[in-house]
C-alpha atoms as a PDB file:
ATOM      1  CA  MET A   1      -4.291 -77.390   6.867  1.00  0.00           C
ATOM      2  CA  ALA A   2      -3.217 -77.026   3.253  1.00  0.00           C
ATOM      3  CA  LYS A   3      -2.168 -80.074   1.370  1.00  0.00           C
ATOM      4  CA  ARG A   4       0.538 -80.276  -1.179  1.00  0.00           C
ATOM      5  CA  SER A   5       0.336 -82.249  -4.496  1.00  0.00           C
ATOM      6  CA  LEU A   6       2.683 -82.283  -7.433  1.00  0.00           C
ATOM      7  CA  MET A   7       0.064 -82.980 -10.084  1.00  0.00           C
ATOM      8  CA  ALA A   8       1.218 -79.493 -11.054  1.00  0.00           C
ATOM      9  CA  LYS A   9       4.532 -77.840 -12.116  1.00  0.00           C
ATOM     10  CA  GLY A  10       4.689 -79.893 -15.318  1.00  0.00           C
ATOM     11  CA  LEU A  11       3.928 -83.329 -13.586  1.00  0.00           C
ATOM     12  CA  THR A  12       0.304 -83.727 -14.584  1.00  0.00           C
ATOM     13  CA  ALA A  13      -1.767 -86.856 -14.507  1.00  0.00           C
ATOM     14  CA  SER A  14      -3.263 -88.356 -17.665  1.00  0.00           C
ATOM     15  CA  MET A  15      -6.916 -88.897 -17.816  1.00  0.00           C
ATOM     16  CA  PRO A  16      -8.287 -92.124 -16.289  1.00  0.00           C
ATOM     17  CA  MET A  17      -8.055 -95.009 -18.751  1.00  0.00           C
ATOM     18  CA  THR A  18     -11.451 -96.179 -19.792  1.00  0.00           C
ATOM     19  CA  GLY A  19     -13.019 -97.670 -22.849  1.00  0.00           C
ATOM     20  CA  ASP A  20     -10.993 -99.102 -25.685  1.00  0.00           C
ATOM     21  CA  MET A  21      -7.399 -99.562 -24.413  1.00  0.00           C
ATOM     22  CA  THR A  22      -5.876-101.024 -27.678  1.00  0.00           C
ATOM     23  CA  ASP A  23      -4.425 -97.767 -28.771  1.00  0.00           C
ATOM     24  CA  ALA A  24      -3.515 -96.458 -25.322  1.00  0.00           C
ATOM     25  CA  PRO A  25       0.232 -95.943 -24.701  1.00  0.00           C
ATOM     26  CA  ALA A  26       2.056 -98.089 -22.312  1.00  0.00           C
ATOM     27  CA  LEU A  27       1.876 -97.001 -18.624  1.00  0.00           C
ATOM     28  CA  VAL A  28       5.010 -97.698 -16.769  1.00  0.00           C
ATOM     29  CA  ALA A  29       5.622 -97.034 -13.050  1.00  0.00           C
ATOM     30  CA  PHE A  30       8.949 -96.832 -11.247  1.00  0.00           C
ATOM     31  CA  ASP A  31       9.597 -96.734  -7.468  1.00  0.00           C
ATOM     32  CA  PHE A  32      12.260 -94.115  -6.846  1.00  0.00           C
ATOM     33  CA  ASP A  33      14.527 -94.803  -3.805  1.00  0.00           C
ATOM     34  CA  GLY A  34      16.525 -98.024  -4.264  1.00  0.00           C
ATOM     35  CA  THR A  35      15.019 -98.600  -7.760  1.00  0.00           C
ATOM     36  CA  LEU A  36      16.009 -95.583  -9.722  1.00  0.00           C
ATOM     37  CA  THR A  37      18.564 -94.580  -7.125  1.00  0.00           C
ATOM     38  CA  VAL A  38      21.161 -96.374  -5.077  1.00  0.00           C
ATOM     39  CA  ARG A  39      19.985 -95.107  -1.681  1.00  0.00           C
ATOM     40  CA  ASP A  40      17.218 -93.283   0.100  1.00  0.00           C
ATOM     41  CA  SER A  41      17.039 -89.819  -1.425  1.00  0.00           C
ATOM     42  CA  PHE A  42      14.900 -88.267   1.373  1.00  0.00           C
ATOM     43  CA  ASN A  43      17.468 -89.090   4.168  1.00  0.00           C
ATOM     44  CA  ALA A  44      20.273 -87.883   1.957  1.00  0.00           C
ATOM     45  CA  PHE A  45      18.384 -84.593   1.321  1.00  0.00           C
ATOM     46  CA  LEU A  46      17.696 -83.972   5.020  1.00  0.00           C
ATOM     47  CA  LYS A  47      21.293 -84.740   5.989  1.00  0.00           C
ATOM     48  CA  TRP A  48      22.682 -82.450   3.135  1.00  0.00           C
ATOM     49  CA  ARG A  49      20.174 -79.624   4.028  1.00  0.00           C
ATOM     50  CA  ALA A  50      20.812 -79.877   7.797  1.00  0.00           C
ATOM     51  CA  GLY A  51      24.566 -79.977   7.810  1.00  0.00           C
ATOM     52  CA  PRO A  52      26.744 -82.210   9.896  1.00  0.00           C
ATOM     53  CA  ALA A  53      26.095 -80.725  13.324  1.00  0.00           C
ATOM     54  CA  ARG A  54      22.334 -80.120  12.923  1.00  0.00           C
ATOM     55  CA  TRP A  55      21.905 -83.659  11.457  1.00  0.00           C
ATOM     56  CA  THR A  56      23.680 -85.263  14.282  1.00  0.00           C
ATOM     57  CA  ALA A  57      21.650 -83.295  16.912  1.00  0.00           C
ATOM     58  CA  GLY A  58      18.392 -84.047  15.053  1.00  0.00           C
ATOM     59  CA  VAL A  59      19.172 -87.754  14.785  1.00  0.00           C
ATOM     60  CA  LEU A  60      19.790 -87.871  18.549  1.00  0.00           C
ATOM     61  CA  ARG A  61      16.414 -86.238  19.193  1.00  0.00           C
ATOM     62  CA  LEU A  62      14.763 -88.767  16.950  1.00  0.00           C
ATOM     63  CA  SER A  63      16.146 -91.657  19.077  1.00  0.00           C
ATOM     64  CA  PRO A  64      12.731 -92.338  20.651  1.00  0.00           C
ATOM     65  CA  ALA A  65      11.073 -92.459  17.237  1.00  0.00           C
ATOM     66  CA  LEU A  66      13.818 -94.856  16.009  1.00  0.00           C
ATOM     67  CA  VAL A  67      13.293 -97.119  18.987  1.00  0.00           C
ATOM     68  CA  ARG A  68       9.483 -97.184  18.445  1.00  0.00           C
ATOM     69  CA  TYR A  69      10.062 -98.080  14.709  1.00  0.00           C
ATOM     70  CA  VAL A  70      12.028-101.255  15.751  1.00  0.00           C
ATOM     71  CA  PHE A  71       8.775-102.452  17.433  1.00  0.00           C
ATOM     72  CA  ASN A  72       6.016-100.959  15.272  1.00  0.00           C
ATOM     73  CA  ARG A  73       7.713-100.932  11.828  1.00  0.00           C
ATOM     74  CA  ASN A  74       5.644 -97.933  10.995  1.00  0.00           C
ATOM     75  CA  ARG A  75       7.550 -96.053   8.324  1.00  0.00           C
ATOM     76  CA  GLY A  76       5.011 -93.334   8.044  1.00  0.00           C
ATOM     77  CA  LYS A  77       5.301 -92.409  11.766  1.00  0.00           C
ATOM     78  CA  LEU A  78       9.111 -92.377  11.438  1.00  0.00           C
ATOM     79  CA  LYS A  79       8.986 -90.250   8.296  1.00  0.00           C
ATOM     80  CA  ALA A  80       6.555 -87.795  10.036  1.00  0.00           C
ATOM     81  CA  ALA A  81       9.018 -87.610  12.937  1.00  0.00           C
ATOM     82  CA  ALA A  82      11.859 -86.770  10.641  1.00  0.00           C
ATOM     83  CA  VAL A  83       9.734 -84.163   8.823  1.00  0.00           C
ATOM     84  CA  ARG A  84       8.841 -82.561  12.198  1.00  0.00           C
ATOM     85  CA  GLU A  85      12.515 -82.445  13.223  1.00  0.00           C
ATOM     86  CA  PHE A  86      14.161 -81.200  10.133  1.00  0.00           C
ATOM     87  CA  LEU A  87      11.453 -79.383   7.991  1.00  0.00           C
ATOM     88  CA  LYS A  88       8.825 -77.913  10.382  1.00  0.00           C
ATOM     89  CA  GLY A  89       8.572 -74.146   9.899  1.00  0.00           C
ATOM     90  CA  ALA A  90      10.398 -74.090   6.524  1.00  0.00           C
ATOM     91  CA  THR A  91       8.434 -72.503   3.722  1.00  0.00           C
ATOM     92  CA  GLN A  92       7.340 -74.430   0.640  1.00  0.00           C
ATOM     93  CA  ALA A  93       9.511 -72.191  -1.472  1.00  0.00           C
ATOM     94  CA  GLU A  94      12.526 -72.868   0.617  1.00  0.00           C
ATOM     95  CA  ILE A  95      12.100 -76.655   0.552  1.00  0.00           C
ATOM     96  CA  GLU A  96      11.564 -76.469  -3.218  1.00  0.00           C
ATOM     97  CA  ALA A  97      14.617 -74.413  -3.841  1.00  0.00           C
ATOM     98  CA  ASP A  98      16.703 -76.671  -1.560  1.00  0.00           C
ATOM     99  CA  ALA A  99      15.337 -79.745  -3.338  1.00  0.00           C
ATOM    100  CA  ARG A 100      16.418 -78.276  -6.691  1.00  0.00           C
ATOM    101  CA  ALA A 101      19.897 -77.532  -5.509  1.00  0.00           C
ATOM    102  CA  PHE A 102      20.209 -81.014  -3.983  1.00  0.00           C
ATOM    103  CA  ALA A 103      19.094 -82.679  -7.153  1.00  0.00           C
ATOM    104  CA  GLU A 104      21.587 -80.560  -9.325  1.00  0.00           C
ATOM    105  CA  LEU A 105      24.505 -81.653  -6.958  1.00  0.00           C
ATOM    106  CA  HIS A 106      23.657 -85.161  -6.276  1.00  0.00           C
ATOM    107  CA  ALA A 107      21.726 -86.732  -9.127  1.00  0.00           C
ATOM    108  CA  PRO A 108      24.905 -88.075 -10.770  1.00  0.00           C
ATOM    109  CA  SER A 109      25.818 -89.930  -7.653  1.00  0.00           C
ATOM    110  CA  LEU A 110      22.253 -91.201  -6.932  1.00  0.00           C
ATOM    111  CA  PHE A 111      20.915 -92.672 -10.157  1.00  0.00           C
ATOM    112  CA  ARG A 112      21.446 -96.277 -11.231  1.00  0.00           C
ATOM    113  CA  PRO A 113      22.662 -96.280 -14.860  1.00  0.00           C
ATOM    114  CA  ASP A 114      20.841 -99.571 -15.736  1.00  0.00           C
ATOM    115  CA  ALA A 115      17.606 -98.128 -14.305  1.00  0.00           C
ATOM    116  CA  LEU A 116      18.007 -94.998 -16.276  1.00  0.00           C
ATOM    117  CA  ALA A 117      18.560 -97.092 -19.462  1.00  0.00           C
ATOM    118  CA  VAL A 118      15.293 -98.939 -19.000  1.00  0.00           C
ATOM    119  CA  TRP A 119      13.424 -95.694 -18.110  1.00  0.00           C
ATOM    120  CA  ARG A 120      14.764 -94.053 -21.356  1.00  0.00           C
ATOM    121  CA  ARG A 121      13.951 -97.170 -23.376  1.00  0.00           C
ATOM    122  CA  TRP A 122      10.274 -96.994 -22.273  1.00  0.00           C
ATOM    123  CA  ARG A 123      10.098 -93.247 -22.730  1.00  0.00           C
ATOM    124  CA  ALA A 124      11.493 -93.651 -26.301  1.00  0.00           C
ATOM    125  CA  LYS A 125       8.584 -96.061 -27.056  1.00  0.00           C
ATOM    126  CA  GLY A 126       6.120 -93.364 -26.041  1.00  0.00           C
ATOM    127  CA  ALA A 127       5.086 -94.832 -22.753  1.00  0.00           C
ATOM    128  CA  ARG A 128       3.616 -92.730 -20.076  1.00  0.00           C
ATOM    129  CA  MET A 129       6.165 -92.627 -17.320  1.00  0.00           C
ATOM    130  CA  VAL A 130       5.189 -92.499 -13.635  1.00  0.00           C
ATOM    131  CA  ILE A 131       7.341 -92.337 -10.462  1.00  0.00           C
ATOM    132  CA  VAL A 132       5.488 -93.715  -7.431  1.00  0.00           C
ATOM    133  CA  THR A 133       7.474 -93.131  -4.238  1.00  0.00           C
ATOM    134  CA  ALA A 134       7.177 -93.028  -0.500  1.00  0.00           C
ATOM    135  CA  SER A 135       9.526 -89.952  -0.391  1.00  0.00           C
ATOM    136  CA  PRO A 136       7.898 -86.595  -0.266  1.00  0.00           C
ATOM    137  CA  ASP A 137       6.826 -85.438  -3.692  1.00  0.00           C
ATOM    138  CA  ILE A 138       8.254 -82.045  -3.056  1.00  0.00           C
ATOM    139  CA  THR A 139      11.774 -83.347  -2.696  1.00  0.00           C
ATOM    140  CA  VAL A 140      11.597 -85.849  -5.620  1.00  0.00           C
ATOM    141  CA  ALA A 141      10.073 -83.358  -8.035  1.00  0.00           C
ATOM    142  CA  PRO A 142      13.275 -81.936  -9.426  1.00  0.00           C
ATOM    143  CA  PHE A 143      14.557 -85.462 -10.168  1.00  0.00           C
ATOM    144  CA  ALA A 144      11.167 -86.308 -11.821  1.00  0.00           C
ATOM    145  CA  ARG A 145      11.241 -83.256 -14.020  1.00  0.00           C
ATOM    146  CA  GLY A 146      14.809 -84.041 -15.089  1.00  0.00           C
ATOM    147  CA  LEU A 147      13.770 -87.530 -16.103  1.00  0.00           C
ATOM    148  CA  GLY A 148      10.786 -86.232 -18.039  1.00  0.00           C
ATOM    149  CA  ALA A 149       8.197 -88.046 -15.909  1.00  0.00           C
ATOM    150  CA  ASP A 150       4.571 -87.599 -16.914  1.00  0.00           C
ATOM    151  CA  LEU A 151       3.457 -87.888 -13.299  1.00  0.00           C
ATOM    152  CA  LEU A 152       5.013 -87.976  -9.856  1.00  0.00           C
ATOM    153  CA  ILE A 153       3.032 -89.614  -7.042  1.00  0.00           C
ATOM    154  CA  GLY A 154       4.659 -89.325  -3.621  1.00  0.00           C
ATOM    155  CA  THR A 155       4.000 -88.688   0.019  1.00  0.00           C
ATOM    156  CA  ARG A 156       2.536 -85.279   0.575  1.00  0.00           C
ATOM    157  CA  LEU A 157       3.736 -82.787   3.250  1.00  0.00           C
ATOM    158  CA  ALA A 158       1.240 -80.521   5.011  1.00  0.00           C
ATOM    159  CA  PHE A 159       1.639 -76.734   4.944  1.00  0.00           C
ATOM    160  CA  ASP A 160      -0.271 -74.046   6.839  1.00  0.00           C
ATOM    161  CA  HIS A 161      -1.942 -71.057   5.250  1.00  0.00           C
ATOM    162  CA  ASP A 162       1.462 -69.200   5.094  1.00  0.00           C
ATOM    163  CA  LEU A 163       2.865 -72.235   3.151  1.00  0.00           C
ATOM    164  CA  ARG A 164       5.069 -73.237   6.023  1.00  0.00           C
ATOM    165  CA  ALA A 165       5.665 -76.903   6.741  1.00  0.00           C
ATOM    166  CA  LEU A 166       3.571 -78.148   9.599  1.00  0.00           C
ATOM    167  CA  GLY A 167       5.931 -80.999  10.360  1.00  0.00           C
ATOM    168  CA  VAL A 168       3.266 -83.607   9.530  1.00  0.00           C
ATOM    169  CA  LEU A 169       2.238 -85.655   6.485  1.00  0.00           C
ATOM    170  CA  ALA A 170      -0.802 -84.661   4.480  1.00  0.00           C
ATOM    171  CA  GLY A 171      -2.249 -88.100   4.124  1.00  0.00           C
ATOM    172  CA  PRO A 172      -0.827 -91.656   4.251  1.00  0.00           C
ATOM    173  CA  ASN A 173       2.744 -92.579   3.561  1.00  0.00           C
ATOM    174  CA  CYS A 174       2.796 -93.546  -0.102  1.00  0.00           C
ATOM    175  CA  ARG A 175       3.947 -97.123   0.056  1.00  0.00           C
ATOM    176  CA  ALA A 176       2.426-100.607  -0.201  1.00  0.00           C
ATOM    177  CA  LYS A 177      -1.370-100.441  -0.781  1.00  0.00           C
ATOM    178  CA  GLU A 178      -1.373 -96.705  -0.826  1.00  0.00           C
ATOM    179  CA  LYS A 179       0.668 -96.762  -4.075  1.00  0.00           C
ATOM    180  CA  VAL A 180      -2.140 -98.589  -5.764  1.00  0.00           C
ATOM    181  CA  VAL A 181      -4.771 -96.201  -4.170  1.00  0.00           C
ATOM    182  CA  ARG A 182      -2.898 -93.210  -5.661  1.00  0.00           C
ATOM    183  CA  LEU A 183      -2.530 -94.873  -9.074  1.00  0.00           C
ATOM    184  CA  LYS A 184      -6.245 -95.462  -9.147  1.00  0.00           C
ATOM    185  CA  GLU A 185      -6.922 -91.901  -8.280  1.00  0.00           C
ATOM    186  CA  ALA A 186      -4.849 -90.787 -11.265  1.00  0.00           C
ATOM    187  CA  PHE A 187      -5.765 -93.409 -13.855  1.00  0.00           C
ATOM    188  CA  GLY A 188      -9.075 -94.931 -12.741  1.00  0.00           C
ATOM    189  CA  GLU A 189     -10.153 -98.015 -10.758  1.00  0.00           C
ATOM    190  CA  ASP A 190      -9.311-100.362 -13.543  1.00  0.00           C
ATOM    191  CA  VAL A 191      -5.741 -99.116 -13.933  1.00  0.00           C
ATOM    192  CA  ARG A 192      -3.307-101.710 -15.320  1.00  0.00           C
ATOM    193  CA  LEU A 193       0.453-101.007 -15.673  1.00  0.00           C
ATOM    194  CA  THR A 194       2.385-102.237 -18.608  1.00  0.00           C
ATOM    195  CA  ALA A 195       5.387-102.530 -16.461  1.00  0.00           C
ATOM    196  CA  ALA A 196       6.431-101.707 -12.835  1.00  0.00           C
ATOM    197  CA  TYR A 197       9.738-101.652 -11.078  1.00  0.00           C
ATOM    198  CA  GLY A 198      10.441-101.683  -7.310  1.00  0.00           C
ATOM    199  CA  ASP A 199      12.834-103.040  -4.707  1.00  0.00           C
ATOM    200  CA  THR A 200      11.050-103.455  -1.373  1.00  0.00           C
ATOM    201  CA  SER A 201       7.984-104.917   0.192  1.00  0.00           C
ATOM    202  CA  GLY A 202       6.442-101.510  -0.170  1.00  0.00           C
ATOM    203  CA  ASP A 203       6.279-102.033  -3.963  1.00  0.00           C
ATOM    204  CA  ILE A 204       4.588-105.457  -4.083  1.00  0.00           C
ATOM    205  CA  GLU A 205       1.031-104.212  -4.454  1.00  0.00           C
ATOM    206  CA  MET A 206       2.055-101.881  -7.291  1.00  0.00           C
ATOM    207  CA  LEU A 207       3.920-104.687  -8.967  1.00  0.00           C
ATOM    208  CA  ALA A 208       0.806-106.925  -8.724  1.00  0.00           C
ATOM    209  CA  ILE A 209      -1.124-104.687 -11.074  1.00  0.00           C
ATOM    210  CA  ALA A 210       1.620-104.693 -13.727  1.00  0.00           C
ATOM    211  CA  ASP A 211       2.014-107.115 -16.745  1.00  0.00           C
ATOM    212  CA  GLU A 212       5.705-106.935 -16.557  1.00  0.00           C
ATOM    213  CA  ARG A 213       7.153-106.975 -12.994  1.00  0.00           C
ATOM    214  CA  GLY A 214      10.695-105.917 -12.227  1.00  0.00           C
ATOM    215  CA  TYR A 215      11.590-106.653  -8.582  1.00  0.00           C
ATOM    216  CA  ARG A 216      15.162-105.794  -7.668  1.00  0.00           C
ATOM    217  CA  VAL A 217      16.330-106.057 -11.227  1.00  0.00           C
ATOM    218  CA  PHE A 218      18.631-102.985 -11.172  1.00  0.00           C
ATOM    219  CA  ARG A 219      22.077-103.376  -9.701  1.00  0.00           C
ATOM    220  CA  GLY A 220      24.053-100.581 -11.353  1.00  0.00           C
ATOM    221  CA  LYS A 221      26.081 -98.109  -9.362  1.00  0.00           C
ATOM    222  CA  PRO A 222      26.931 -94.568 -10.494  1.00  0.00           C
ATOM    223  CA  LEU A 223      30.357 -94.177 -12.232  1.00  0.00           C
END
């Protein structure tokens, strides 16, 4: 089973932060869905990619998974079920191309203007900018590149040796404690964020390792 990571394609991690930190640039992390955007980008991508008829049929087939989620509240299992329903068998190249097309069409209607203003302000100060999201990295990557992110950390999809989606996640859903685990993988065990922004309970652990914590601070809507 091949695993997919986006510490490539221009979204590379910085070296772990060790030693004297006084001259290190600020490290700022943003959640993506609901923080930088007004709604869940992955569901929007799947719906757009599938088309109305395919989307409706797929959601009906996902009904058992949706019912189970009401009781177990396991977002990872629900996401894996959606990946299996809508992306299994698609090639990595196909998903990447569709993600680029989706971002080009929908970025203006997804991004919060006030969140973008804060992102740009930090970037202008020379901060290292990181997106840490539960959405698949492969679908968020075009947005991250457009924003000039230094690193994208997201949920990984699994692909076979022919680079076709297996319909499962390659590792844990990137939310809650997993966000901190992944940040430590990228920046070292002692990672400390200068600022972090999020909007759900899945961001609390990431916010806890930040000096400046922005929880549900963005309310802007696209024009």
